Amino acid sequence: MQLSLNIPALLFPAISLTMLAYNARYLAIAALIRQLHKQFEETSAQPLRQQINYLRKRLGIIKNMQASAIISFLLAAVTMFLVYVEMNVWANAIFGVSLVFLVISLILSFLEVQLSTKALGVQLKNMEK
């Protein structure tokens, strides 16, 4: 396949928007952790402990989501440089790796949403009592 500058350039807005969404999730979780920490110091309730454990796992996943997206972004930039200097074999290989990191980031995002749903289930179960 002949890779042009346009193909990796298409990833730039997609990865940028993905990273914005990941950052928004991170900031929301950070605010929630601060809120739960305050409640936990007051009550030490078991559901809060479960929520905090889920949030700790989610933060780790989000960190890896962001890292994968950043690597994908950097590799897309390297691909554009390689296309520019006409190193097409390397450009194709690096672009493929960039896509792999983007897919990893999206899979991690899916897993984080699943974990988020479990955490909400804990909260809803606590409200039923």
C-alpha atoms as a PDB file:
ATOM      1  CA  MET A   1       0.000   0.000   0.000  1.00  0.00           C
ATOM      2  CA  GLN A   2       1.265   3.447  -0.880  1.00  0.00           C
ATOM      3  CA  LEU A   3       1.081   5.635   2.211  1.00  0.00           C
ATOM      4  CA  SER A   4       0.598   9.362   1.691  1.00  0.00           C
ATOM      5  CA  LEU A   5       0.894  12.163   4.245  1.00  0.00           C
ATOM      6  CA  ASN A   6      -2.908  12.366   4.375  1.00  0.00           C
ATOM      7  CA  ILE A   7      -3.455   8.900   5.842  1.00  0.00           C
ATOM      8  CA  PRO A   8      -1.510   9.301   9.124  1.00  0.00           C
ATOM      9  CA  ALA A   9      -2.676  12.917   9.299  1.00  0.00           C
ATOM     10  CA  LEU A  10      -6.240  11.592   9.572  1.00  0.00           C
ATOM     11  CA  LEU A  11      -5.311  10.073  12.942  1.00  0.00           C
ATOM     12  CA  PHE A  12      -4.365  13.435  14.466  1.00  0.00           C
ATOM     13  CA  PRO A  13      -7.886  14.750  15.095  1.00  0.00           C
ATOM     14  CA  ALA A  14      -9.170  11.322  16.127  1.00  0.00           C
ATOM     15  CA  ILE A  15      -6.382  10.764  18.639  1.00  0.00           C
ATOM     16  CA  SER A  16      -6.637  14.334  19.914  1.00  0.00           C
ATOM     17  CA  LEU A  17     -10.366  13.967  20.573  1.00  0.00           C
ATOM     18  CA  THR A  18      -9.791  10.591  22.197  1.00  0.00           C
ATOM     19  CA  MET A  19      -7.181  12.083  24.505  1.00  0.00           C
ATOM     20  CA  LEU A  20      -9.558  14.917  25.432  1.00  0.00           C
ATOM     21  CA  ALA A  21     -12.228  12.375  26.334  1.00  0.00           C
ATOM     22  CA  TYR A  22      -9.728  10.357  28.397  1.00  0.00           C
ATOM     23  CA  ASN A  23      -8.602  13.496  30.207  1.00  0.00           C
ATOM     24  CA  ALA A  24     -12.217  14.388  31.006  1.00  0.00           C
ATOM     25  CA  ARG A  25     -12.739  10.908  32.481  1.00  0.00           C
ATOM     26  CA  TYR A  26      -9.574  11.286  34.523  1.00  0.00           C
ATOM     27  CA  LEU A  27     -10.644  14.648  35.920  1.00  0.00           C
ATOM     28  CA  ALA A  28     -14.116  13.337  36.788  1.00  0.00           C
ATOM     29  CA  ILE A  29     -12.622  10.354  38.611  1.00  0.00           C
ATOM     30  CA  ALA A  30     -10.142  12.555  40.458  1.00  0.00           C
ATOM     31  CA  ALA A  31     -13.002  14.739  41.729  1.00  0.00           C
ATOM     32  CA  LEU A  32     -14.963  11.653  42.746  1.00  0.00           C
ATOM     33  CA  ILE A  33     -11.967  10.225  44.608  1.00  0.00           C
ATOM     34  CA  ARG A  34     -11.595  13.446  46.567  1.00  0.00           C
ATOM     35  CA  GLN A  35     -15.282  13.376  47.454  1.00  0.00           C
ATOM     36  CA  LEU A  36     -15.241   9.693  48.446  1.00  0.00           C
ATOM     37  CA  HIS A  37     -12.060  10.173  50.468  1.00  0.00           C
ATOM     38  CA  LYS A  38     -13.793  12.787  52.580  1.00  0.00           C
ATOM     39  CA  GLN A  39     -16.820  10.499  53.093  1.00  0.00           C
ATOM     40  CA  PHE A  40     -14.577   7.529  53.871  1.00  0.00           C
ATOM     41  CA  GLU A  41     -12.732   9.454  56.587  1.00  0.00           C
ATOM     42  CA  GLU A  42     -16.093  10.228  58.195  1.00  0.00           C
ATOM     43  CA  THR A  43     -17.772   6.807  57.933  1.00  0.00           C
ATOM     44  CA  SER A  44     -15.319   4.076  56.761  1.00  0.00           C
ATOM     45  CA  ALA A  45     -18.309   2.303  55.144  1.00  0.00           C
ATOM     46  CA  GLN A  46     -17.671  -0.903  53.162  1.00  0.00           C
ATOM     47  CA  PRO A  47     -19.406   0.308  49.950  1.00  0.00           C
ATOM     48  CA  LEU A  48     -17.058   3.296  49.951  1.00  0.00           C
ATOM     49  CA  ARG A  49     -14.095   0.949  50.254  1.00  0.00           C
ATOM     50  CA  GLN A  50     -15.356  -0.989  47.206  1.00  0.00           C
ATOM     51  CA  GLN A  51     -15.859   2.228  45.261  1.00  0.00           C
ATOM     52  CA  ILE A  52     -12.343   3.390  46.112  1.00  0.00           C
ATOM     53  CA  ASN A  53     -10.889   0.056  44.963  1.00  0.00           C
ATOM     54  CA  TYR A  54     -12.745   0.345  41.646  1.00  0.00           C
ATOM     55  CA  LEU A  55     -11.548   3.919  41.246  1.00  0.00           C
ATOM     56  CA  ARG A  56      -7.955   2.872  41.871  1.00  0.00           C
ATOM     57  CA  LYS A  57      -8.244   0.253  39.108  1.00  0.00           C
ATOM     58  CA  ARG A  58      -9.928   2.734  36.786  1.00  0.00           C
ATOM     59  CA  LEU A  59      -7.135   5.274  37.296  1.00  0.00           C
ATOM     60  CA  GLY A  60      -4.574   2.654  36.298  1.00  0.00           C
ATOM     61  CA  ILE A  61      -6.543   1.784  33.178  1.00  0.00           C
ATOM     62  CA  ILE A  62      -6.966   5.453  32.240  1.00  0.00           C
ATOM     63  CA  LYS A  63      -3.231   6.022  32.680  1.00  0.00           C
ATOM     64  CA  ASN A  64      -2.551   3.174  30.236  1.00  0.00           C
ATOM     65  CA  MET A  65      -5.264   4.439  27.855  1.00  0.00           C
ATOM     66  CA  GLN A  66      -3.610   7.844  27.761  1.00  0.00           C
ATOM     67  CA  ALA A  67      -0.133   6.376  27.339  1.00  0.00           C
ATOM     68  CA  SER A  68      -1.282   4.194  24.424  1.00  0.00           C
ATOM     69  CA  ALA A  69      -2.999   7.140  22.745  1.00  0.00           C
ATOM     70  CA  ILE A  70       0.090   9.319  23.166  1.00  0.00           C
ATOM     71  CA  ILE A  71       2.345   6.627  21.697  1.00  0.00           C
ATOM     72  CA  SER A  72      -0.080   6.242  18.786  1.00  0.00           C
ATOM     73  CA  PHE A  73      -0.016  10.010  18.239  1.00  0.00           C
ATOM     74  CA  LEU A  74       3.793  10.144  18.304  1.00  0.00           C
ATOM     75  CA  LEU A  75       4.103   7.204  15.931  1.00  0.00           C
ATOM     76  CA  ALA A  76       1.649   8.847  13.515  1.00  0.00           C
ATOM     77  CA  ALA A  77       3.901  11.931  13.552  1.00  0.00           C
ATOM     78  CA  VAL A  78       6.969   9.752  12.934  1.00  0.00           C
ATOM     79  CA  THR A  79       5.088   8.095  10.063  1.00  0.00           C
ATOM     80  CA  MET A  80       4.445  11.465   8.474  1.00  0.00           C
ATOM     81  CA  PHE A  81       8.147  12.306   8.738  1.00  0.00           C
ATOM     82  CA  LEU A  82       9.107   8.951   7.199  1.00  0.00           C
ATOM     83  CA  VAL A  83       6.671   9.502   4.323  1.00  0.00           C
ATOM     84  CA  TYR A  84       8.160  12.973   3.854  1.00  0.00           C
ATOM     85  CA  VAL A  85      11.717  11.599   3.599  1.00  0.00           C
ATOM     86  CA  GLU A  86      10.417   8.781   1.352  1.00  0.00           C
ATOM     87  CA  MET A  87      11.234   5.889   3.659  1.00  0.00           C
ATOM     88  CA  ASN A  88       8.013   4.135   2.718  1.00  0.00           C
ATOM     89  CA  VAL A  89       8.762   0.668   4.103  1.00  0.00           C
ATOM     90  CA  TRP A  90       9.486   2.120   7.546  1.00  0.00           C
ATOM     91  CA  ALA A  91       6.518   4.478   7.258  1.00  0.00           C
ATOM     92  CA  ASN A  92       4.164   1.554   6.631  1.00  0.00           C
ATOM     93  CA  ALA A  93       5.588  -0.426   9.559  1.00  0.00           C
ATOM     94  CA  ILE A  94       5.475   2.484  12.002  1.00  0.00           C
ATOM     95  CA  PHE A  95       1.969   3.408  10.904  1.00  0.00           C
ATOM     96  CA  GLY A  96       0.839  -0.170  11.566  1.00  0.00           C
ATOM     97  CA  VAL A  97       2.318   0.007  15.072  1.00  0.00           C
ATOM     98  CA  SER A  98       0.573   3.348  15.582  1.00  0.00           C
ATOM     99  CA  LEU A  99      -2.754   1.739  14.708  1.00  0.00           C
ATOM    100  CA  VAL A 100      -2.062  -1.129  17.118  1.00  0.00           C
ATOM    101  CA  PHE A 101      -1.505   1.339  19.964  1.00  0.00           C
ATOM    102  CA  LEU A 102      -4.705   3.159  19.038  1.00  0.00           C
ATOM    103  CA  VAL A 103      -6.622  -0.134  19.166  1.00  0.00           C
ATOM    104  CA  ILE A 104      -5.041  -0.966  22.551  1.00  0.00           C
ATOM    105  CA  SER A 105      -6.139   2.431  23.835  1.00  0.00           C
ATOM    106  CA  LEU A 106      -9.707   1.843  22.656  1.00  0.00           C
ATOM    107  CA  ILE A 107      -9.833  -1.645  24.184  1.00  0.00           C
ATOM    108  CA  LEU A 108      -8.643  -0.216  27.500  1.00  0.00           C
ATOM    109  CA  SER A 109     -11.336   2.443  27.213  1.00  0.00           C
ATOM    110  CA  PHE A 110     -13.933  -0.297  26.785  1.00  0.00           C
ATOM    111  CA  LEU A 111     -12.609  -2.119  29.863  1.00  0.00           C
ATOM    112  CA  GLU A 112     -12.683   1.095  31.887  1.00  0.00           C
ATOM    113  CA  VAL A 113     -16.327   1.682  30.950  1.00  0.00           C
ATOM    114  CA  GLN A 114     -17.146  -1.879  32.058  1.00  0.00           C
ATOM    115  CA  LEU A 115     -15.423  -1.289  35.393  1.00  0.00           C
ATOM    116  CA  SER A 116     -17.241   2.024  35.753  1.00  0.00           C
ATOM    117  CA  THR A 117     -20.539   0.208  35.304  1.00  0.00           C
ATOM    118  CA  LYS A 118     -19.608  -2.275  38.039  1.00  0.00           C
ATOM    119  CA  ALA A 119     -18.777   0.595  40.373  1.00  0.00           C
ATOM    120  CA  LEU A 120     -22.150   2.182  39.693  1.00  0.00           C
ATOM    121  CA  GLY A 121     -23.765  -1.176  40.431  1.00  0.00           C
ATOM    122  CA  VAL A 122     -22.186  -1.114  43.897  1.00  0.00           C
ATOM    123  CA  GLN A 123     -23.612   2.352  44.462  1.00  0.00           C
ATOM    124  CA  LEU A 124     -27.077   1.343  43.279  1.00  0.00           C
ATOM    125  CA  LYS A 125     -27.046  -1.786  45.424  1.00  0.00           C
ATOM    126  CA  ASN A 126     -26.189   0.350  48.439  1.00  0.00           C
ATOM    127  CA  MET A 127     -29.148   2.651  47.677  1.00  0.00           C
ATOM    128  CA  GLU A 128     -31.608  -0.287  47.650  1.00  0.00           C
ATOM    129  CA  LYS A 129     -31.073  -0.971  51.340  1.00  0.00           C
END
